[in-house]
């Protein structure tokens, strides 16, 4: 049974790794660069510090955003 919160959804799209975008486009490399840049700007830290933080949160929380949400209350 589907939750009432999702009854309005008619279509679901799941992007399983390397199904919509093949590995040759290196999508994850681009995401890492953009995420590092965003963290650097948001927290006003160097890109080197932001990259280290992104990697640490990825390992600790499963995603960089989850770490930022937990540690910095970023929505």
PDB file of N, CA and C in Angstrom:
ATOM      1  N   UNK A   1       0.841  -1.183   0.000  1.00  0.00           N
ATOM      2  CA  UNK A   1       0.000   0.000   0.000  1.00  0.00           C
ATOM      3  C   UNK A   1       0.882   1.241   0.000  1.00  0.00           C
ATOM      4  N   UNK A   2       0.536   2.186  -0.807  1.00  0.00           N
ATOM      5  CA  UNK A   2       1.318   3.415  -0.920  1.00  0.00           C
ATOM      6  C   UNK A   2       0.825   4.456   0.082  1.00  0.00           C
ATOM      7  N   UNK A   3       1.764   5.177   0.648  1.00  0.00           N
ATOM      8  CA  UNK A   3       1.440   6.213   1.625  1.00  0.00           C
ATOM      9  C   UNK A   3       0.619   7.325   0.976  1.00  0.00           C
ATOM     10  N   UNK A   4      -0.243   7.944   1.753  1.00  0.00           N
ATOM     11  CA  UNK A   4      -1.040   9.074   1.252  1.00  0.00           C
ATOM     12  C   UNK A   4      -0.159  10.207   0.746  1.00  0.00           C
ATOM     13  N   UNK A   5       1.052  10.318   1.287  1.00  0.00           N
ATOM     14  CA  UNK A   5       1.969  11.376   0.868  1.00  0.00           C
ATOM     15  C   UNK A   5       2.400  11.245  -0.587  1.00  0.00           C
ATOM     16  N   UNK A   6       2.267  10.053  -1.147  1.00  0.00           N
ATOM     17  CA  UNK A   6       2.751   9.817  -2.500  1.00  0.00           C
ATOM     18  C   UNK A   6       1.648   9.429  -3.488  1.00  0.00           C
ATOM     19  N   UNK A   7       0.406   9.514  -3.077  1.00  0.00           N
ATOM     20  CA  UNK A   7      -0.691   9.107  -3.966  1.00  0.00           C
ATOM     21  C   UNK A   7      -0.810   9.997  -5.199  1.00  0.00           C
ATOM     22  N   UNK A   8      -0.336  11.229  -5.109  1.00  0.00           N
ATOM     23  CA  UNK A   8      -0.401  12.150  -6.246  1.00  0.00           C
ATOM     24  C   UNK A   8       0.646  11.829  -7.326  1.00  0.00           C
ATOM     25  N   UNK A   9       1.640  11.025  -6.992  1.00  0.00           N
ATOM     26  CA  UNK A   9       2.712  10.703  -7.926  1.00  0.00           C
ATOM     27  C   UNK A   9       2.204   9.677  -8.932  1.00  0.00           C
ATOM     28  N   UNK A  10       2.314  10.037 -10.208  1.00  0.00           N
ATOM     29  CA  UNK A  10       1.871   9.132 -11.269  1.00  0.00           C
ATOM     30  C   UNK A  10       3.016   8.340 -11.868  1.00  0.00           C
ATOM     31  N   UNK A  11       4.212   8.941 -11.886  1.00  0.00           N
ATOM     32  CA  UNK A  11       5.375   8.288 -12.490  1.00  0.00           C
ATOM     33  C   UNK A  11       6.574   8.407 -11.566  1.00  0.00           C
ATOM     34  N   UNK A  12       7.375   7.377 -11.559  1.00  0.00           N
ATOM     35  CA  UNK A  12       8.611   7.373 -10.782  1.00  0.00           C
ATOM     36  C   UNK A  12       9.769   7.164 -11.743  1.00  0.00           C
ATOM     37  N   UNK A  13      10.864   7.852 -11.503  1.00  0.00           N
ATOM     38  CA  UNK A  13      12.073   7.665 -12.296  1.00  0.00           C
ATOM     39  C   UNK A  13      13.199   7.323 -11.327  1.00  0.00           C
ATOM     40  N   UNK A  14      13.852   6.220 -11.578  1.00  0.00           N
ATOM     41  CA  UNK A  14      14.984   5.802 -10.761  1.00  0.00           C
ATOM     42  C   UNK A  14      16.231   5.874 -11.623  1.00  0.00           C
ATOM     43  N   UNK A  15      17.215   6.615 -11.157  1.00  0.00           N
ATOM     44  CA  UNK A  15      18.484   6.690 -11.870  1.00  0.00           C
ATOM     45  C   UNK A  15      19.467   5.773 -11.162  1.00  0.00           C
ATOM     46  N   UNK A  16      19.520   4.543 -11.611  1.00  0.00           N
ATOM     47  CA  UNK A  16      20.490   3.610 -11.078  1.00  0.00           C
ATOM     48  C   UNK A  16      21.835   3.942 -11.703  1.00  0.00           C
ATOM     49  N   UNK A  17      22.880   3.853 -10.941  1.00  0.00           N
ATOM     50  CA  UNK A  17      24.195   4.265 -11.430  1.00  0.00           C
ATOM     51  C   UNK A  17      24.481   3.728 -12.822  1.00  0.00           C
ATOM     52  N   UNK A  18      24.862   4.653 -13.682  1.00  0.00           N
ATOM     53  CA  UNK A  18      25.290   4.364 -15.054  1.00  0.00           C
ATOM     54  C   UNK A  18      24.195   3.771 -15.942  1.00  0.00           C
ATOM     55  N   UNK A  19      22.936   4.095 -15.670  1.00  0.00           N
ATOM     56  CA  UNK A  19      21.866   3.650 -16.562  1.00  0.00           C
ATOM     57  C   UNK A  19      21.402   4.789 -17.458  1.00  0.00           C
ATOM     58  N   UNK A  20      21.194   5.970 -16.909  1.00  0.00           N
ATOM     59  CA  UNK A  20      20.803   7.117 -17.730  1.00  0.00           C
ATOM     60  C   UNK A  20      22.012   7.789 -18.368  1.00  0.00           C
ATOM     61  N   UNK A  21      23.122   7.749 -17.672  1.00  0.00           N
ATOM     62  CA  UNK A  21      24.352   8.367 -18.164  1.00  0.00           C
ATOM     63  C   UNK A  21      25.462   7.337 -18.110  1.00  0.00           C
ATOM     64  N   UNK A  22      26.083   7.044 -19.257  1.00  0.00           N
ATOM     65  CA  UNK A  22      27.147   6.031 -19.266  1.00  0.00           C
ATOM     66  C   UNK A  22      28.399   6.539 -18.543  1.00  0.00           C
ATOM     67  N   UNK A  23      29.231   5.626 -18.072  1.00  0.00           N
ATOM     68  CA  UNK A  23      30.443   6.021 -17.336  1.00  0.00           C
ATOM     69  C   UNK A  23      31.342   6.989 -18.102  1.00  0.00           C
ATOM     70  N   UNK A  24      31.347   6.916 -19.433  1.00  0.00           N
ATOM     71  CA  UNK A  24      32.255   7.768 -20.215  1.00  0.00           C
ATOM     72  C   UNK A  24      31.955   9.263 -20.062  1.00  0.00           C
ATOM     73  N   UNK A  25      30.746   9.640 -19.638  1.00  0.00           N
ATOM     74  CA  UNK A  25      30.459  11.070 -19.451  1.00  0.00           C
ATOM     75  C   UNK A  25      30.977  11.579 -18.107  1.00  0.00           C
ATOM     76  N   UNK A  26      31.397  10.667 -17.243  1.00  0.00           N
ATOM     77  CA  UNK A  26      32.027  11.004 -15.958  1.00  0.00           C
ATOM     78  C   UNK A  26      31.158  11.945 -15.124  1.00  0.00           C
ATOM     79  N   UNK A  27      29.898  11.614 -15.031  1.00  0.00           N
ATOM     80  CA  UNK A  27      28.922  12.425 -14.307  1.00  0.00           C
ATOM     81  C   UNK A  27      29.302  12.617 -12.842  1.00  0.00           C
ATOM     82  N   UNK A  28      29.767  11.568 -12.195  1.00  0.00           N
ATOM     83  CA  UNK A  28      30.096  11.678 -10.774  1.00  0.00           C
ATOM     84  C   UNK A  28      31.282  12.613 -10.542  1.00  0.00           C
ATOM     85  N   UNK A  29      32.209  12.659 -11.476  1.00  0.00           N
ATOM     86  CA  UNK A  29      33.316  13.618 -11.364  1.00  0.00           C
ATOM     87  C   UNK A  29      32.785  15.050 -11.375  1.00  0.00           C
ATOM     88  N   UNK A  30      31.833  15.309 -12.246  1.00  0.00           N
ATOM     89  CA  UNK A  30      31.232  16.649 -12.329  1.00  0.00           C
ATOM     90  C   UNK A  30      30.447  16.982 -11.060  1.00  0.00           C
ATOM     91  N   UNK A  31      29.730  16.007 -10.540  1.00  0.00           N
ATOM     92  CA  UNK A  31      28.973  16.219  -9.302  1.00  0.00           C
ATOM     93  C   UNK A  31      29.924  16.548  -8.163  1.00  0.00           C
ATOM     94  N   UNK A  32      31.025  15.824  -8.069  1.00  0.00           N
ATOM     95  CA  UNK A  32      31.999  16.084  -7.012  1.00  0.00           C
ATOM     96  C   UNK A  32      32.556  17.502  -7.109  1.00  0.00           C
ATOM     97  N   UNK A  33      32.885  17.942  -8.317  1.00  0.00           N
ATOM     98  CA  UNK A  33      33.403  19.300  -8.511  1.00  0.00           C
ATOM     99  C   UNK A  33      32.384  20.350  -8.098  1.00  0.00           C
ATOM    100  N   UNK A  34      31.149  20.175  -8.543  1.00  0.00           N
ATOM    101  CA  UNK A  34      30.089  21.141  -8.225  1.00  0.00           C
ATOM    102  C   UNK A  34      29.768  21.145  -6.735  1.00  0.00           C
ATOM    103  N   UNK A  35      29.750  19.965  -6.117  1.00  0.00           N
ATOM    104  CA  UNK A  35      29.463  19.881  -4.689  1.00  0.00           C
ATOM    105  C   UNK A  35      30.577  20.538  -3.884  1.00  0.00           C
ATOM    106  N   UNK A  36      31.816  20.307  -4.271  1.00  0.00           N
ATOM    107  CA  UNK A  36      32.949  20.928  -3.589  1.00  0.00           C
ATOM    108  C   UNK A  36      32.878  22.447  -3.711  1.00  0.00           C
ATOM    109  N   UNK A  37      32.577  22.921  -4.900  1.00  0.00           N
ATOM    110  CA  UNK A  37      32.449  24.374  -5.125  1.00  0.00           C
ATOM    111  C   UNK A  37      31.324  24.958  -4.269  1.00  0.00           C
ATOM    112  N   UNK A  38      30.195  24.267  -4.225  1.00  0.00           N
ATOM    113  CA  UNK A  38      29.051  24.745  -3.445  1.00  0.00           C
ATOM    114  C   UNK A  38      29.397  24.798  -1.960  1.00  0.00           C
ATOM    115  N   UNK A  39      30.027  23.745  -1.448  1.00  0.00           N
ATOM    116  CA  UNK A  39      30.418  23.709  -0.038  1.00  0.00           C
ATOM    117  C   UNK A  39      31.390  24.845   0.264  1.00  0.00           C
ATOM    118  N   UNK A  40      32.351  25.036  -0.606  1.00  0.00           N
ATOM    119  CA  UNK A  40      33.334  26.108  -0.428  1.00  0.00           C
ATOM    120  C   UNK A  40      32.655  27.464  -0.322  1.00  0.00           C
ATOM    121  N   UNK A  41      31.737  27.725  -1.226  1.00  0.00           N
ATOM    122  CA  UNK A  41      31.016  29.010  -1.222  1.00  0.00           C
ATOM    123  C   UNK A  41      30.088  29.147  -0.019  1.00  0.00           C
ATOM    124  N   UNK A  42      29.362  28.099   0.288  1.00  0.00           N
ATOM    125  CA  UNK A  42      28.385  28.138   1.380  1.00  0.00           C
ATOM    126  C   UNK A  42      29.056  28.318   2.742  1.00  0.00           C
ATOM    127  N   UNK A  43      30.158  27.594   2.961  1.00  0.00           N
ATOM    128  CA  UNK A  43      30.824  27.633   4.258  1.00  0.00           C
ATOM    129  C   UNK A  43      31.986  28.629   4.298  1.00  0.00           C
ATOM    130  N   UNK A  44      32.244  29.251   3.131  1.00  0.00           N
ATOM    131  CA  UNK A  44      33.334  30.234   3.027  1.00  0.00           C
ATOM    132  C   UNK A  44      34.669  29.620   3.469  1.00  0.00           C
ATOM    133  N   UNK A  45      34.977  28.480   2.860  1.00  0.00           N
ATOM    134  CA  UNK A  45      36.239  27.793   3.109  1.00  0.00           C
ATOM    135  C   UNK A  45      36.909  27.533   1.765  1.00  0.00           C
ATOM    136  N   UNK A  46      38.176  27.169   1.787  1.00  0.00           N
ATOM    137  CA  UNK A  46      38.897  26.903   0.537  1.00  0.00           C
ATOM    138  C   UNK A  46      38.315  25.670  -0.155  1.00  0.00           C
ATOM    139  N   UNK A  47      38.581  25.562  -1.445  1.00  0.00           N
ATOM    140  CA  UNK A  47      38.093  24.385  -2.170  1.00  0.00           C
ATOM    141  C   UNK A  47      38.778  23.120  -1.671  1.00  0.00           C
ATOM    142  N   UNK A  48      40.025  23.231  -1.230  1.00  0.00           N
ATOM    143  CA  UNK A  48      40.721  22.065  -0.679  1.00  0.00           C
ATOM    144  C   UNK A  48      40.031  21.595   0.606  1.00  0.00           C
ATOM    145  N   UNK A  49      39.699  22.532   1.498  1.00  0.00           N
ATOM    146  CA  UNK A  49      38.992  22.177   2.729  1.00  0.00           C
ATOM    147  C   UNK A  49      37.612  21.610   2.414  1.00  0.00           C
ATOM    148  N   UNK A  50      36.937  22.224   1.447  1.00  0.00           N
ATOM    149  CA  UNK A  50      35.594  21.765   1.061  1.00  0.00           C
ATOM    150  C   UNK A  50      35.644  20.352   0.492  1.00  0.00           C
ATOM    151  N   UNK A  51      36.654  20.046  -0.302  1.00  0.00           N
ATOM    152  CA  UNK A  51      36.786  18.716  -0.885  1.00  0.00           C
ATOM    153  C   UNK A  51      37.025  17.680   0.214  1.00  0.00           C
ATOM    154  N   UNK A  52      37.859  18.005   1.187  1.00  0.00           N
ATOM    155  CA  UNK A  52      38.110  17.089   2.304  1.00  0.00           C
ATOM    156  C   UNK A  52      36.836  16.863   3.117  1.00  0.00           C
ATOM    157  N   UNK A  53      36.104  17.934   3.354  1.00  0.00           N
ATOM    158  CA  UNK A  53      34.856  17.841   4.105  1.00  0.00           C
ATOM    159  C   UNK A  53      33.835  16.994   3.348  1.00  0.00           C
ATOM    160  N   UNK A  54      33.719  17.223   2.042  1.00  0.00           N
ATOM    161  CA  UNK A  54      32.789  16.461   1.200  1.00  0.00           C
ATOM    162  C   UNK A  54      33.102  14.974   1.279  1.00  0.00           C
ATOM    163  N   UNK A  55      34.369  14.634   1.164  1.00  0.00           N
ATOM    164  CA  UNK A  55      34.778  13.225   1.217  1.00  0.00           C
ATOM    165  C   UNK A  55      34.509  12.619   2.590  1.00  0.00           C
ATOM    166  N   UNK A  56      34.796  13.378   3.634  1.00  0.00           N
ATOM    167  CA  UNK A  56      34.581  12.880   4.998  1.00  0.00           C
ATOM    168  C   UNK A  56      33.096  12.625   5.250  1.00  0.00           C
ATOM    169  N   UNK A  57      32.242  13.557   4.825  1.00  0.00           N
ATOM    170  CA  UNK A  57      30.808  13.386   5.014  1.00  0.00           C
ATOM    171  C   UNK A  57      30.265  12.236   4.174  1.00  0.00           C
ATOM    172  N   UNK A  58      30.811  12.059   2.978  1.00  0.00           N
ATOM    173  CA  UNK A  58      30.397  10.954   2.116  1.00  0.00           C
ATOM    174  C   UNK A  58      30.630   9.627   2.836  1.00  0.00           C
ATOM    175  N   UNK A  59      31.805   9.498   3.456  1.00  0.00           N
ATOM    176  CA  UNK A  59      32.129   8.252   4.172  1.00  0.00           C
ATOM    177  C   UNK A  59      31.298   8.097   5.444  1.00  0.00           C
ATOM    178  N   UNK A  60      31.139   9.168   6.181  1.00  0.00           N
ATOM    179  CA  UNK A  60      30.470   9.098   7.482  1.00  0.00           C
ATOM    180  C   UNK A  60      28.958   9.006   7.376  1.00  0.00           C
ATOM    181  N   UNK A  61      28.361   9.688   6.393  1.00  0.00           N
ATOM    182  CA  UNK A  61      26.905   9.810   6.331  1.00  0.00           C
ATOM    183  C   UNK A  61      26.268   9.206   5.077  1.00  0.00           C
ATOM    184  N   UNK A  62      27.099   8.737   4.142  1.00  0.00           N
ATOM    185  CA  UNK A  62      26.548   8.157   2.920  1.00  0.00           C
ATOM    186  C   UNK A  62      26.403   9.149   1.788  1.00  0.00           C
ATOM    187  N   UNK A  63      26.226  10.427   2.113  1.00  0.00           N
ATOM    188  CA  UNK A  63      26.223  11.502   1.118  1.00  0.00           C
ATOM    189  C   UNK A  63      26.801  12.752   1.772  1.00  0.00           C
ATOM    190  N   UNK A  64      27.358  13.599   0.946  1.00  0.00           N
ATOM    191  CA  UNK A  64      27.894  14.865   1.455  1.00  0.00           C
ATOM    192  C   UNK A  64      26.774  15.730   2.016  1.00  0.00           C
ATOM    193  N   UNK A  65      25.655  15.750   1.325  1.00  0.00           N
ATOM    194  CA  UNK A  65      24.524  16.571   1.769  1.00  0.00           C
ATOM    195  C   UNK A  65      24.012  16.120   3.134  1.00  0.00           C
ATOM    196  N   UNK A  66      23.956  14.821   3.364  1.00  0.00           N
ATOM    197  CA  UNK A  66      23.496  14.328   4.668  1.00  0.00           C
ATOM    198  C   UNK A  66      24.404  14.838   5.782  1.00  0.00           C
ATOM    199  N   UNK A  67      25.703  14.859   5.533  1.00  0.00           N
ATOM    200  CA  UNK A  67      26.631  15.386   6.520  1.00  0.00           C
ATOM    201  C   UNK A  67      26.442  16.868   6.757  1.00  0.00           C
ATOM    202  N   UNK A  68      26.238  17.608   5.689  1.00  0.00           N
ATOM    203  CA  UNK A  68      26.015  19.057   5.814  1.00  0.00           C
ATOM    204  C   UNK A  68      24.712  19.340   6.558  1.00  0.00           C
ATOM    205  N   UNK A  69      23.705  18.555   6.285  1.00  0.00           N
ATOM    206  CA  UNK A  69      22.432  18.736   6.978  1.00  0.00           C
ATOM    207  C   UNK A  69      22.591  18.475   8.464  1.00  0.00           C
ATOM    208  N   UNK A  70      23.334  17.451   8.781  1.00  0.00           N
ATOM    209  CA  UNK A  70      23.493  17.063  10.190  1.00  0.00           C
ATOM    210  C   UNK A  70      24.438  17.996  10.935  1.00  0.00           C
ATOM    211  N   UNK A  71      25.545  18.340  10.325  1.00  0.00           N
ATOM    212  CA  UNK A  71      26.579  19.120  10.994  1.00  0.00           C
ATOM    213  C   UNK A  71      26.349  20.637  10.924  1.00  0.00           C
ATOM    214  N   UNK A  72      25.677  21.094   9.859  1.00  0.00           N
ATOM    215  CA  UNK A  72      25.487  22.535   9.652  1.00  0.00           C
ATOM    216  C   UNK A  72      24.022  22.938   9.537  1.00  0.00           C
ATOM    217  N   UNK A  73      23.128  22.001   9.733  1.00  0.00           N
ATOM    218  CA  UNK A  73      21.695  22.244   9.636  1.00  0.00           C
ATOM    219  C   UNK A  73      21.317  22.882   8.282  1.00  0.00           C
ATOM    220  N   UNK A  74      21.988  22.465   7.235  1.00  0.00           N
ATOM    221  CA  UNK A  74      21.693  22.929   5.879  1.00  0.00           C
ATOM    222  C   UNK A  74      20.518  22.114   5.357  1.00  0.00           C
ATOM    223  N   UNK A  75      19.549  22.795   4.790  1.00  0.00           N
ATOM    224  CA  UNK A  75      18.353  22.112   4.274  1.00  0.00           C
ATOM    225  C   UNK A  75      18.506  21.808   2.808  1.00  0.00           C
TER     226      UNK A  75
END
